[in-house]
N, C-alpha and C. Protein backbone atom coordinates (compact mmCIF):
# COMPACT_ATOMS: atom_id res chain seq x y z
N MET A 1 20.92 179.11 96.26
CA MET A 1 20.90 178.58 94.91
C MET A 1 19.85 177.48 94.81
N SER A 2 19.06 177.53 93.76
CA SER A 2 18.02 176.52 93.61
C SER A 2 18.61 175.21 93.10
N LYS A 3 17.93 174.14 93.37
CA LYS A 3 18.40 172.82 92.96
C LYS A 3 18.18 172.63 91.46
N THR A 4 19.09 171.88 90.86
CA THR A 4 18.96 171.57 89.44
C THR A 4 19.12 170.07 89.24
N VAL A 5 18.72 169.61 88.06
CA VAL A 5 18.83 168.21 87.70
C VAL A 5 19.47 168.14 86.31
N GLU A 6 20.39 167.20 86.14
CA GLU A 6 21.07 167.01 84.86
C GLU A 6 20.40 165.84 84.14
N ILE A 7 19.98 166.08 82.90
CA ILE A 7 19.24 165.08 82.13
C ILE A 7 20.01 164.78 80.85
N LYS A 8 20.19 163.49 80.56
CA LYS A 8 20.90 163.07 79.35
C LYS A 8 19.98 162.19 78.52
N LEU A 9 19.86 162.51 77.23
CA LEU A 9 19.08 161.69 76.31
C LEU A 9 19.94 160.51 75.88
N VAL A 10 19.52 159.29 76.21
CA VAL A 10 20.34 158.11 75.93
C VAL A 10 19.80 157.27 74.78
N LYS A 11 18.57 157.50 74.35
CA LYS A 11 17.99 156.78 73.22
C LYS A 11 17.48 157.78 72.19
N SER A 12 17.42 157.34 70.95
CA SER A 12 16.96 158.18 69.85
C SER A 12 15.48 158.50 69.96
N LEU A 13 15.09 159.62 69.38
CA LEU A 13 13.69 160.02 69.36
C LEU A 13 12.96 159.47 68.13
N ASN A 14 13.70 158.85 67.21
CA ASN A 14 13.09 158.29 65.99
C ASN A 14 12.06 157.22 66.34
N GLY A 15 10.87 157.35 65.75
CA GLY A 15 9.83 156.35 65.92
C GLY A 15 9.09 156.42 67.24
N ARG A 16 9.31 157.45 68.04
CA ARG A 16 8.64 157.57 69.35
C ARG A 16 7.31 158.29 69.17
N HIS A 17 6.48 158.24 70.21
CA HIS A 17 5.21 158.96 70.20
C HIS A 17 5.48 160.46 70.07
N GLN A 18 4.61 161.14 69.35
CA GLN A 18 4.79 162.58 69.14
C GLN A 18 4.81 163.36 70.45
N LYS A 19 4.01 162.94 71.42
CA LYS A 19 4.00 163.61 72.73
C LYS A 19 5.35 163.47 73.43
N HIS A 20 5.97 162.31 73.30
CA HIS A 20 7.26 162.07 73.95
C HIS A 20 8.36 162.87 73.26
N ILE A 21 8.29 162.99 71.94
CA ILE A 21 9.26 163.81 71.22
C ILE A 21 9.12 165.27 71.64
N ALA A 22 7.88 165.74 71.74
CA ALA A 22 7.63 167.12 72.16
C ALA A 22 8.11 167.37 73.59
N THR A 23 7.94 166.39 74.46
CA THR A 23 8.40 166.52 75.84
C THR A 23 9.91 166.62 75.89
N ALA A 24 10.60 165.77 75.14
CA ALA A 24 12.07 165.81 75.10
C ALA A 24 12.55 167.15 74.57
N LYS A 25 11.92 167.65 73.53
CA LYS A 25 12.33 168.94 72.96
C LYS A 25 12.05 170.09 73.93
N SER A 26 10.97 169.97 74.72
CA SER A 26 10.67 171.02 75.69
C SER A 26 11.71 171.07 76.81
N LEU A 27 12.37 169.92 77.04
CA LEU A 27 13.45 169.88 78.02
C LEU A 27 14.77 170.36 77.41
N GLY A 28 14.80 170.52 76.08
CA GLY A 28 16.02 170.98 75.41
C GLY A 28 16.86 169.84 74.86
N LEU A 29 16.29 168.65 74.78
CA LEU A 29 17.01 167.48 74.28
C LEU A 29 16.70 167.28 72.80
N LYS A 30 17.74 167.17 71.98
CA LYS A 30 17.54 167.05 70.54
C LYS A 30 18.04 165.74 69.96
N ARG A 31 19.20 165.27 70.40
CA ARG A 31 19.76 164.03 69.86
C ARG A 31 20.43 163.25 70.99
N PRO A 32 20.59 161.94 70.78
CA PRO A 32 21.22 161.13 71.83
C PRO A 32 22.58 161.68 72.24
N GLY A 33 22.83 161.70 73.51
CA GLY A 33 24.08 162.24 74.04
C GLY A 33 23.95 163.65 74.56
N ASN A 34 22.87 164.36 74.17
CA ASN A 34 22.66 165.72 74.66
C ASN A 34 22.44 165.70 76.17
N VAL A 35 23.06 166.64 76.86
CA VAL A 35 22.89 166.79 78.30
C VAL A 35 22.41 168.21 78.57
N VAL A 36 21.36 168.35 79.38
CA VAL A 36 20.83 169.65 79.76
C VAL A 36 20.70 169.73 81.27
N VAL A 37 20.71 170.94 81.79
CA VAL A 37 20.49 171.18 83.21
C VAL A 37 19.19 171.95 83.34
N GLN A 38 18.25 171.40 84.10
CA GLN A 38 16.94 172.00 84.30
C GLN A 38 16.70 172.19 85.79
N PRO A 39 15.82 173.13 86.16
CA PRO A 39 15.49 173.28 87.58
C PRO A 39 14.76 172.03 88.08
N ASP A 40 15.04 171.65 89.30
CA ASP A 40 14.42 170.47 89.89
C ASP A 40 13.10 170.87 90.54
N ASN A 41 12.02 170.80 89.75
CA ASN A 41 10.70 171.14 90.26
C ASN A 41 9.69 170.10 89.77
N GLU A 42 8.45 170.25 90.15
CA GLU A 42 7.41 169.27 89.81
C GLU A 42 7.20 169.16 88.30
N ALA A 43 7.23 170.27 87.59
CA ALA A 43 7.02 170.24 86.14
C ALA A 43 8.12 169.44 85.44
N THR A 44 9.36 169.70 85.82
CA THR A 44 10.48 168.98 85.22
C THR A 44 10.42 167.51 85.57
N ARG A 45 10.11 167.19 86.82
CA ARG A 45 10.01 165.79 87.24
C ARG A 45 8.90 165.06 86.48
N GLY A 46 7.80 165.75 86.21
CA GLY A 46 6.71 165.15 85.44
C GLY A 46 7.13 164.84 84.02
N LYS A 47 7.87 165.74 83.40
CA LYS A 47 8.38 165.51 82.04
C LYS A 47 9.35 164.34 82.02
N ILE A 48 10.23 164.27 83.01
CA ILE A 48 11.19 163.17 83.10
C ILE A 48 10.44 161.85 83.26
N GLU A 49 9.41 161.83 84.08
CA GLU A 49 8.64 160.61 84.31
C GLU A 49 7.98 160.12 83.02
N GLN A 50 7.50 161.06 82.20
CA GLN A 50 6.83 160.69 80.95
C GLN A 50 7.79 160.02 79.97
N ILE A 51 9.05 160.46 79.94
CA ILE A 51 10.01 159.89 78.98
C ILE A 51 11.17 159.19 79.69
N ARG A 52 10.90 158.57 80.83
CA ARG A 52 11.94 157.95 81.64
C ARG A 52 12.71 156.86 80.90
N TYR A 53 12.09 156.23 79.91
CA TYR A 53 12.76 155.17 79.15
C TYR A 53 13.75 155.72 78.12
N LEU A 54 13.75 157.04 77.93
CA LEU A 54 14.65 157.66 76.96
C LEU A 54 15.81 158.42 77.59
N VAL A 55 15.70 158.71 78.89
CA VAL A 55 16.67 159.59 79.52
C VAL A 55 17.36 158.94 80.71
N GLU A 56 18.46 159.59 81.10
CA GLU A 56 19.21 159.22 82.30
C GLU A 56 19.33 160.49 83.14
N VAL A 57 19.00 160.40 84.41
CA VAL A 57 19.01 161.58 85.29
C VAL A 57 20.14 161.46 86.29
N LYS A 58 20.90 162.56 86.44
CA LYS A 58 22.01 162.59 87.40
C LYS A 58 21.72 163.56 88.50
């Protein structure tokens, strides 16, 4: 089984940079409190790093 990472959006996307909003949506995050499970790979880690101030990773 491949490794996965659980990502939770903890801050609103209102007023954020358009690139950061697009990154959050590409991860499947739409509103605060949303939790998604993504594969733990370099692409996902890069997206998390870009919006690290908006998310919580478990």
